[in-house]
Amino acid sequence: MRKRTTTALLLATAATAALAMAPAQAGDFDGGYLGVQLGYAYGDFDLGSVGDTITDFDSDSVIGGISGGYLWAIGNGWYLGPELQYDWANITINNPDSGESADFDGIARLNVIAGYELGNGMLYGSLGYAYTDLNGVGDFFDGSSDGYAIGLGYDWWVEENWTVGVEYLYQSFNDIGSGGGDVDLSTIYLRTAFRF
């Protein structure tokens, strides 16, 4: 409980400090942007049935990458546009019965962003396509997979062309490898972007 309280206080302090640095007036989100993100990833790896054993593993990692996109103003404070992201991670799961391991090293996403100006920034949701490649556990959990991603975030202005933000993304992949394994991945990021 103390750890959760401390984490919540640290996040609240960071958010307050970032908001305090923000200029009095929000900028215009219309246009292109390039940025980076860094955060925490938590994955549930379901290998399905191996013989008479159900193998279900959880693992976590630091995750980070690059992003870029373009937003169009569509009126009344609303914005819409595509965003491309790529993340690197270092998530490894180990099968205690066989000693084999599987690695989840990266993920690419192409999302549609829909946002609304709120306060000194923009609250947005995202929905899109996700792709990943996994290696390990023989052929059983080895291969690429298409999936989907859905998310929620908030970006606020800190300088004339710079925003910082927080974002949560949920990604799901099914039928990976010959065994038909599944992955559900949750990520939470701090992100920053330069807006043109």
C-alpha atoms as a PDB file:
ATOM      1  CA  MET A   1       0.000   0.000   0.000  1.00  0.00           C
ATOM      2  CA  ARG A   2       2.846   2.371   0.904  1.00  0.00           C
ATOM      3  CA  LYS A   3       4.532   1.651  -2.449  1.00  0.00           C
ATOM      4  CA  ARG A   4       1.329   2.470  -4.351  1.00  0.00           C
ATOM      5  CA  THR A   5       0.846   5.684  -2.371  1.00  0.00           C
ATOM      6  CA  THR A   6       4.449   6.757  -2.992  1.00  0.00           C
ATOM      7  CA  THR A   7       4.120   6.035  -6.727  1.00  0.00           C
ATOM      8  CA  ALA A   8       0.873   8.013  -6.925  1.00  0.00           C
ATOM      9  CA  LEU A   9       2.466  10.969  -5.099  1.00  0.00           C
ATOM     10  CA  LEU A  10       5.485  10.941  -7.437  1.00  0.00           C
ATOM     11  CA  LEU A  11       3.259  10.898 -10.523  1.00  0.00           C
ATOM     12  CA  ALA A  12       1.082  13.671  -9.130  1.00  0.00           C
ATOM     13  CA  THR A  13       4.160  15.767  -8.310  1.00  0.00           C
ATOM     14  CA  ALA A  14       5.590  15.267 -11.815  1.00  0.00           C
ATOM     15  CA  ALA A  15       2.287  16.203 -13.427  1.00  0.00           C
ATOM     16  CA  THR A  16       1.948  19.302 -11.234  1.00  0.00           C
ATOM     17  CA  ALA A  17       5.488  20.418 -12.046  1.00  0.00           C
ATOM     18  CA  ALA A  18       4.914  19.967 -15.778  1.00  0.00           C
ATOM     19  CA  LEU A  19       1.672  21.928 -15.648  1.00  0.00           C
ATOM     20  CA  ALA A  20       3.361  24.685 -13.672  1.00  0.00           C
ATOM     21  CA  MET A  21       5.912  25.105 -16.464  1.00  0.00           C
ATOM     22  CA  ALA A  22       3.215  25.400 -19.115  1.00  0.00           C
ATOM     23  CA  PRO A  23       2.537  28.763 -20.760  1.00  0.00           C
ATOM     24  CA  ALA A  24      -0.721  30.541 -20.029  1.00  0.00           C
ATOM     25  CA  GLN A  25      -2.206  29.939 -23.488  1.00  0.00           C
ATOM     26  CA  ALA A  26      -2.393  26.692 -25.405  1.00  0.00           C
ATOM     27  CA  GLY A  27      -0.921  26.499 -28.877  1.00  0.00           C
ATOM     28  CA  ASP A  28      -2.434  25.094 -32.043  1.00  0.00           C
ATOM     29  CA  PHE A  29      -2.216  21.318 -32.463  1.00  0.00           C
ATOM     30  CA  ASP A  30      -2.884  21.567 -36.205  1.00  0.00           C
ATOM     31  CA  GLY A  31       0.150  20.281 -38.138  1.00  0.00           C
ATOM     32  CA  GLY A  32       2.928  17.710 -37.973  1.00  0.00           C
ATOM     33  CA  TYR A  33       4.997  16.565 -35.008  1.00  0.00           C
ATOM     34  CA  LEU A  34       7.911  14.301 -34.086  1.00  0.00           C
ATOM     35  CA  GLY A  35       8.569  12.950 -30.623  1.00  0.00           C
ATOM     36  CA  VAL A  36       9.894  10.316 -28.252  1.00  0.00           C
ATOM     37  CA  GLN A  37       8.283   8.319 -25.481  1.00  0.00           C
ATOM     38  CA  LEU A  38       9.549   6.363 -22.473  1.00  0.00           C
ATOM     39  CA  GLY A  39       7.556   4.238 -20.087  1.00  0.00           C
ATOM     40  CA  TYR A  40       6.614   0.938 -18.498  1.00  0.00           C
ATOM     41  CA  ALA A  41       5.195  -2.146 -20.221  1.00  0.00           C
ATOM     42  CA  TYR A  42       3.373  -5.057 -18.619  1.00  0.00           C
ATOM     43  CA  GLY A  43       2.535  -8.130 -20.681  1.00  0.00           C
ATOM     44  CA  ASP A  44       0.434 -11.236 -20.211  1.00  0.00           C
ATOM     45  CA  PHE A  45       1.764 -14.098 -22.367  1.00  0.00           C
ATOM     46  CA  ASP A  46      -0.654 -16.995 -22.834  1.00  0.00           C
ATOM     47  CA  LEU A  47       1.029 -19.926 -24.554  1.00  0.00           C
ATOM     48  CA  GLY A  48      -2.170 -21.952 -24.635  1.00  0.00           C
ATOM     49  CA  SER A  49      -2.037 -25.647 -23.844  1.00  0.00           C
ATOM     50  CA  VAL A  50       1.278 -27.499 -23.840  1.00  0.00           C
ATOM     51  CA  GLY A  51       0.397 -31.136 -23.284  1.00  0.00           C
ATOM     52  CA  ASP A  52      -1.663 -31.196 -20.103  1.00  0.00           C
ATOM     53  CA  THR A  53      -0.172 -27.925 -18.800  1.00  0.00           C
ATOM     54  CA  ILE A  54      -1.616 -24.452 -19.261  1.00  0.00           C
ATOM     55  CA  THR A  55       1.256 -22.002 -19.511  1.00  0.00           C
ATOM     56  CA  ASP A  56       0.445 -18.393 -18.712  1.00  0.00           C
ATOM     57  CA  PHE A  57       3.224 -15.934 -17.861  1.00  0.00           C
ATOM     58  CA  ASP A  58       3.432 -12.273 -16.874  1.00  0.00           C
ATOM     59  CA  SER A  59       6.433 -10.037 -17.481  1.00  0.00           C
ATOM     60  CA  ASP A  60       7.322  -6.352 -17.509  1.00  0.00           C
ATOM     61  CA  SER A  61       9.964  -4.019 -18.883  1.00  0.00           C
ATOM     62  CA  VAL A  62      10.998  -0.467 -19.599  1.00  0.00           C
ATOM     63  CA  ILE A  63       9.748   0.501 -23.057  1.00  0.00           C
ATOM     64  CA  GLY A  64      10.534   3.488 -25.257  1.00  0.00           C
ATOM     65  CA  GLY A  65      10.629   4.695 -28.806  1.00  0.00           C
ATOM     66  CA  ILE A  66       9.815   7.312 -31.406  1.00  0.00           C
ATOM     67  CA  SER A  67       6.591   8.733 -32.817  1.00  0.00           C
ATOM     68  CA  GLY A  68       5.396  11.068 -35.508  1.00  0.00           C
ATOM     69  CA  GLY A  69       2.108  12.190 -36.916  1.00  0.00           C
ATOM     70  CA  TYR A  70      -0.087  14.894 -38.357  1.00  0.00           C
ATOM     71  CA  LEU A  71      -3.285  16.423 -36.984  1.00  0.00           C
ATOM     72  CA  TRP A  72      -5.917  18.400 -38.827  1.00  0.00           C
ATOM     73  CA  ALA A  73      -8.186  20.877 -37.059  1.00  0.00           C
ATOM     74  CA  ILE A  74     -11.777  19.860 -37.861  1.00  0.00           C
ATOM     75  CA  GLY A  75     -13.547  22.595 -35.914  1.00  0.00           C
ATOM     76  CA  ASN A  76     -14.811  23.432 -32.424  1.00  0.00           C
ATOM     77  CA  GLY A  77     -11.539  22.408 -30.770  1.00  0.00           C
ATOM     78  CA  TRP A  78     -11.391  18.938 -32.348  1.00  0.00           C
ATOM     79  CA  TYR A  79      -8.394  17.383 -34.126  1.00  0.00           C
ATOM     80  CA  LEU A  80      -8.009  14.207 -36.176  1.00  0.00           C
ATOM     81  CA  GLY A  81      -5.061  12.504 -37.837  1.00  0.00           C
ATOM     82  CA  PRO A  82      -2.660   9.537 -38.106  1.00  0.00           C
ATOM     83  CA  GLU A  83       0.257   8.705 -35.825  1.00  0.00           C
ATOM     84  CA  LEU A  84       3.062   6.180 -36.367  1.00  0.00           C
ATOM     85  CA  GLN A  85       4.937   4.803 -33.340  1.00  0.00           C
ATOM     86  CA  TYR A  86       7.758   2.332 -32.854  1.00  0.00           C
ATOM     87  CA  ASP A  87       8.884   1.073 -29.449  1.00  0.00           C
ATOM     88  CA  TRP A  88      11.812  -1.013 -28.238  1.00  0.00           C
ATOM     89  CA  ALA A  89      11.393  -3.221 -25.179  1.00  0.00           C
ATOM     90  CA  ASN A  90      13.224  -6.051 -23.425  1.00  0.00           C
ATOM     91  CA  ILE A  91      10.517  -8.389 -22.203  1.00  0.00           C
ATOM     92  CA  THR A  92      11.577 -12.008 -21.661  1.00  0.00           C
ATOM     93  CA  ILE A  93       9.420 -14.864 -20.406  1.00  0.00           C
ATOM     94  CA  ASN A  94      10.813 -18.167 -19.188  1.00  0.00           C
ATOM     95  CA  ASN A  95       9.082 -21.547 -19.115  1.00  0.00           C
ATOM     96  CA  PRO A  96      10.074 -23.112 -15.754  1.00  0.00           C
ATOM     97  CA  ASP A  97       9.215 -26.607 -17.029  1.00  0.00           C
ATOM     98  CA  SER A  98      11.286 -26.617 -20.208  1.00  0.00           C
ATOM     99  CA  GLY A  99      13.784 -23.826 -19.501  1.00  0.00           C
ATOM    100  CA  GLU A 100      12.936 -22.226 -22.860  1.00  0.00           C
ATOM    101  CA  SER A 101      12.433 -18.484 -23.178  1.00  0.00           C
ATOM    102  CA  ALA A 102      10.654 -16.069 -25.484  1.00  0.00           C
ATOM    103  CA  ASP A 103      11.604 -12.456 -26.236  1.00  0.00           C
ATOM    104  CA  PHE A 104       9.336  -9.537 -27.032  1.00  0.00           C
ATOM    105  CA  ASP A 105      11.640  -6.795 -28.309  1.00  0.00           C
ATOM    106  CA  GLY A 106       9.608  -4.303 -30.320  1.00  0.00           C
ATOM    107  CA  ILE A 107       6.226  -3.141 -31.480  1.00  0.00           C
ATOM    108  CA  ALA A 108       5.026  -0.876 -34.307  1.00  0.00           C
ATOM    109  CA  ARG A 109       1.679   0.922 -34.358  1.00  0.00           C
ATOM    110  CA  LEU A 110      -0.300   3.006 -36.837  1.00  0.00           C
ATOM    111  CA  ASN A 111      -3.082   4.786 -34.980  1.00  0.00           C
ATOM    112  CA  VAL A 112      -5.821   7.265 -35.721  1.00  0.00           C
ATOM    113  CA  ILE A 113      -5.801  10.075 -33.138  1.00  0.00           C
ATOM    114  CA  ALA A 114      -8.951  11.997 -32.217  1.00  0.00           C
ATOM    115  CA  GLY A 115      -8.390  14.846 -29.754  1.00  0.00           C
ATOM    116  CA  TYR A 116     -10.144  17.763 -28.118  1.00  0.00           C
ATOM    117  CA  GLU A 117      -8.588  20.952 -26.719  1.00  0.00           C
ATOM    118  CA  LEU A 118      -8.950  20.891 -22.954  1.00  0.00           C
ATOM    119  CA  GLY A 119      -7.255  23.318 -20.591  1.00  0.00           C
ATOM    120  CA  ASN A 120      -3.713  24.007 -21.733  1.00  0.00           C
ATOM    121  CA  GLY A 121      -3.530  20.944 -23.922  1.00  0.00           C
ATOM    122  CA  MET A 122      -5.378  18.200 -25.737  1.00  0.00           C
ATOM    123  CA  LEU A 123      -7.163  15.120 -24.424  1.00  0.00           C
ATOM    124  CA  TYR A 124      -7.143  12.365 -27.047  1.00  0.00           C
ATOM    125  CA  GLY A 125      -8.025   8.783 -27.786  1.00  0.00           C
ATOM    126  CA  SER A 126      -6.364   6.472 -30.278  1.00  0.00           C
ATOM    127  CA  LEU A 127      -7.273   3.313 -32.149  1.00  0.00           C
ATOM    128  CA  GLY A 128      -5.212   1.445 -34.676  1.00  0.00           C
ATOM    129  CA  TYR A 129      -3.117  -1.377 -36.052  1.00  0.00           C
ATOM    130  CA  ALA A 130      -0.207  -2.965 -34.152  1.00  0.00           C
ATOM    131  CA  TYR A 131       2.534  -5.323 -35.332  1.00  0.00           C
ATOM    132  CA  THR A 132       5.106  -7.287 -33.343  1.00  0.00           C
ATOM    133  CA  ASP A 133       7.639 -10.066 -33.784  1.00  0.00           C
ATOM    134  CA  LEU A 134       8.369 -12.599 -31.026  1.00  0.00           C
ATOM    135  CA  ASN A 135      11.268 -15.015 -30.768  1.00  0.00           C
ATOM    136  CA  GLY A 136      11.559 -18.176 -28.723  1.00  0.00           C
ATOM    137  CA  VAL A 137       9.983 -21.280 -27.177  1.00  0.00           C
ATOM    138  CA  GLY A 138      10.845 -23.292 -30.288  1.00  0.00           C
ATOM    139  CA  ASP A 139       8.220 -22.840 -32.981  1.00  0.00           C
ATOM    140  CA  PHE A 140       5.452 -22.774 -30.429  1.00  0.00           C
ATOM    141  CA  PHE A 141       5.691 -19.059 -29.586  1.00  0.00           C
ATOM    142  CA  ASP A 142       7.834 -17.784 -32.415  1.00  0.00           C
ATOM    143  CA  GLY A 143       6.615 -15.497 -35.161  1.00  0.00           C
ATOM    144  CA  SER A 144       5.089 -12.173 -36.082  1.00  0.00           C
ATOM    145  CA  SER A 145       1.555 -11.093 -35.295  1.00  0.00           C
ATOM    146  CA  ASP A 146      -0.933  -8.405 -36.270  1.00  0.00           C
ATOM    147  CA  GLY A 147      -3.141  -6.937 -33.593  1.00  0.00           C
ATOM    148  CA  TYR A 148      -4.859  -3.788 -32.453  1.00  0.00           C
ATOM    149  CA  ALA A 149      -4.041  -0.932 -30.102  1.00  0.00           C
ATOM    150  CA  ILE A 150      -6.358   1.380 -28.181  1.00  0.00           C
ATOM    151  CA  GLY A 151      -5.268   4.252 -25.982  1.00  0.00           C
ATOM    152  CA  LEU A 152      -5.940   7.458 -24.075  1.00  0.00           C
ATOM    153  CA  GLY A 153      -3.639  10.387 -23.431  1.00  0.00           C
ATOM    154  CA  TYR A 154      -3.160  14.062 -22.683  1.00  0.00           C
ATOM    155  CA  ASP A 155      -0.550  16.438 -24.168  1.00  0.00           C
ATOM    156  CA  TRP A 156       0.047  19.912 -22.782  1.00  0.00           C
ATOM    157  CA  TRP A 157       2.120  22.847 -23.952  1.00  0.00           C
ATOM    158  CA  VAL A 158       5.373  23.682 -22.144  1.00  0.00           C
ATOM    159  CA  GLU A 159       6.998  25.907 -24.780  1.00  0.00           C
ATOM    160  CA  GLU A 160       5.966  27.484 -28.082  1.00  0.00           C
ATOM    161  CA  ASN A 161       6.611  24.347 -30.160  1.00  0.00           C
ATOM    162  CA  TRP A 162       6.953  21.708 -27.444  1.00  0.00           C
ATOM    163  CA  THR A 163       4.418  19.510 -25.691  1.00  0.00           C
ATOM    164  CA  VAL A 164       4.789  16.871 -22.977  1.00  0.00           C
ATOM    165  CA  GLY A 165       2.218  14.262 -22.177  1.00  0.00           C
ATOM    166  CA  VAL A 166       1.140  10.998 -20.652  1.00  0.00           C
ATOM    167  CA  GLU A 167      -0.387   8.102 -22.574  1.00  0.00           C
ATOM    168  CA  TYR A 168      -1.831   4.664 -21.824  1.00  0.00           C
ATOM    169  CA  LEU A 169      -2.004   2.014 -24.563  1.00  0.00           C
ATOM    170  CA  TYR A 170      -3.476  -1.483 -24.588  1.00  0.00           C
ATOM    171  CA  GLN A 171      -2.339  -3.855 -27.336  1.00  0.00           C
ATOM    172  CA  SER A 172      -3.579  -7.354 -28.143  1.00  0.00           C
ATOM    173  CA  PHE A 173      -2.052 -10.063 -30.356  1.00  0.00           C
ATOM    174  CA  ASN A 174      -3.490 -13.525 -31.019  1.00  0.00           C
ATOM    175  CA  ASP A 175      -2.488 -16.856 -32.596  1.00  0.00           C
ATOM    176  CA  ILE A 176       1.290 -16.402 -32.481  1.00  0.00           C
ATOM    177  CA  GLY A 177       3.414 -19.305 -33.686  1.00  0.00           C
ATOM    178  CA  SER A 178       2.347 -22.913 -34.188  1.00  0.00           C
ATOM    179  CA  GLY A 179       0.791 -23.083 -30.729  1.00  0.00           C
ATOM    180  CA  GLY A 180      -1.462 -20.075 -31.216  1.00  0.00           C
ATOM    181  CA  GLY A 181      -0.145 -18.075 -28.254  1.00  0.00           C
ATOM    182  CA  ASP A 182      -1.661 -14.747 -27.227  1.00  0.00           C
ATOM    183  CA  VAL A 183      -0.158 -11.536 -25.832  1.00  0.00           C
ATOM    184  CA  ASP A 184      -1.942  -8.689 -24.052  1.00  0.00           C
ATOM    185  CA  LEU A 185       0.362  -5.722 -23.473  1.00  0.00           C
ATOM    186  CA  SER A 186      -0.344  -2.585 -21.432  1.00  0.00           C
ATOM    187  CA  THR A 187       1.999   0.404 -21.606  1.00  0.00           C
ATOM    188  CA  ILE A 188       2.087   3.785 -19.888  1.00  0.00           C
ATOM    189  CA  TYR A 189       4.352   6.548 -21.196  1.00  0.00           C
ATOM    190  CA  LEU A 190       5.753   9.962 -20.591  1.00  0.00           C
ATOM    191  CA  ARG A 191       6.177  11.592 -24.003  1.00  0.00           C
ATOM    192  CA  THR A 192       7.416  14.782 -25.566  1.00  0.00           C
ATOM    193  CA  ALA A 193       7.026  16.161 -29.093  1.00  0.00           C
ATOM    194  CA  PHE A 194       8.201  19.039 -31.255  1.00  0.00           C
ATOM    195  CA  ARG A 195       5.268  20.454 -33.232  1.00  0.00           C
ATOM    196  CA  PHE A 196       5.834  22.152 -36.569  1.00  0.00           C
END
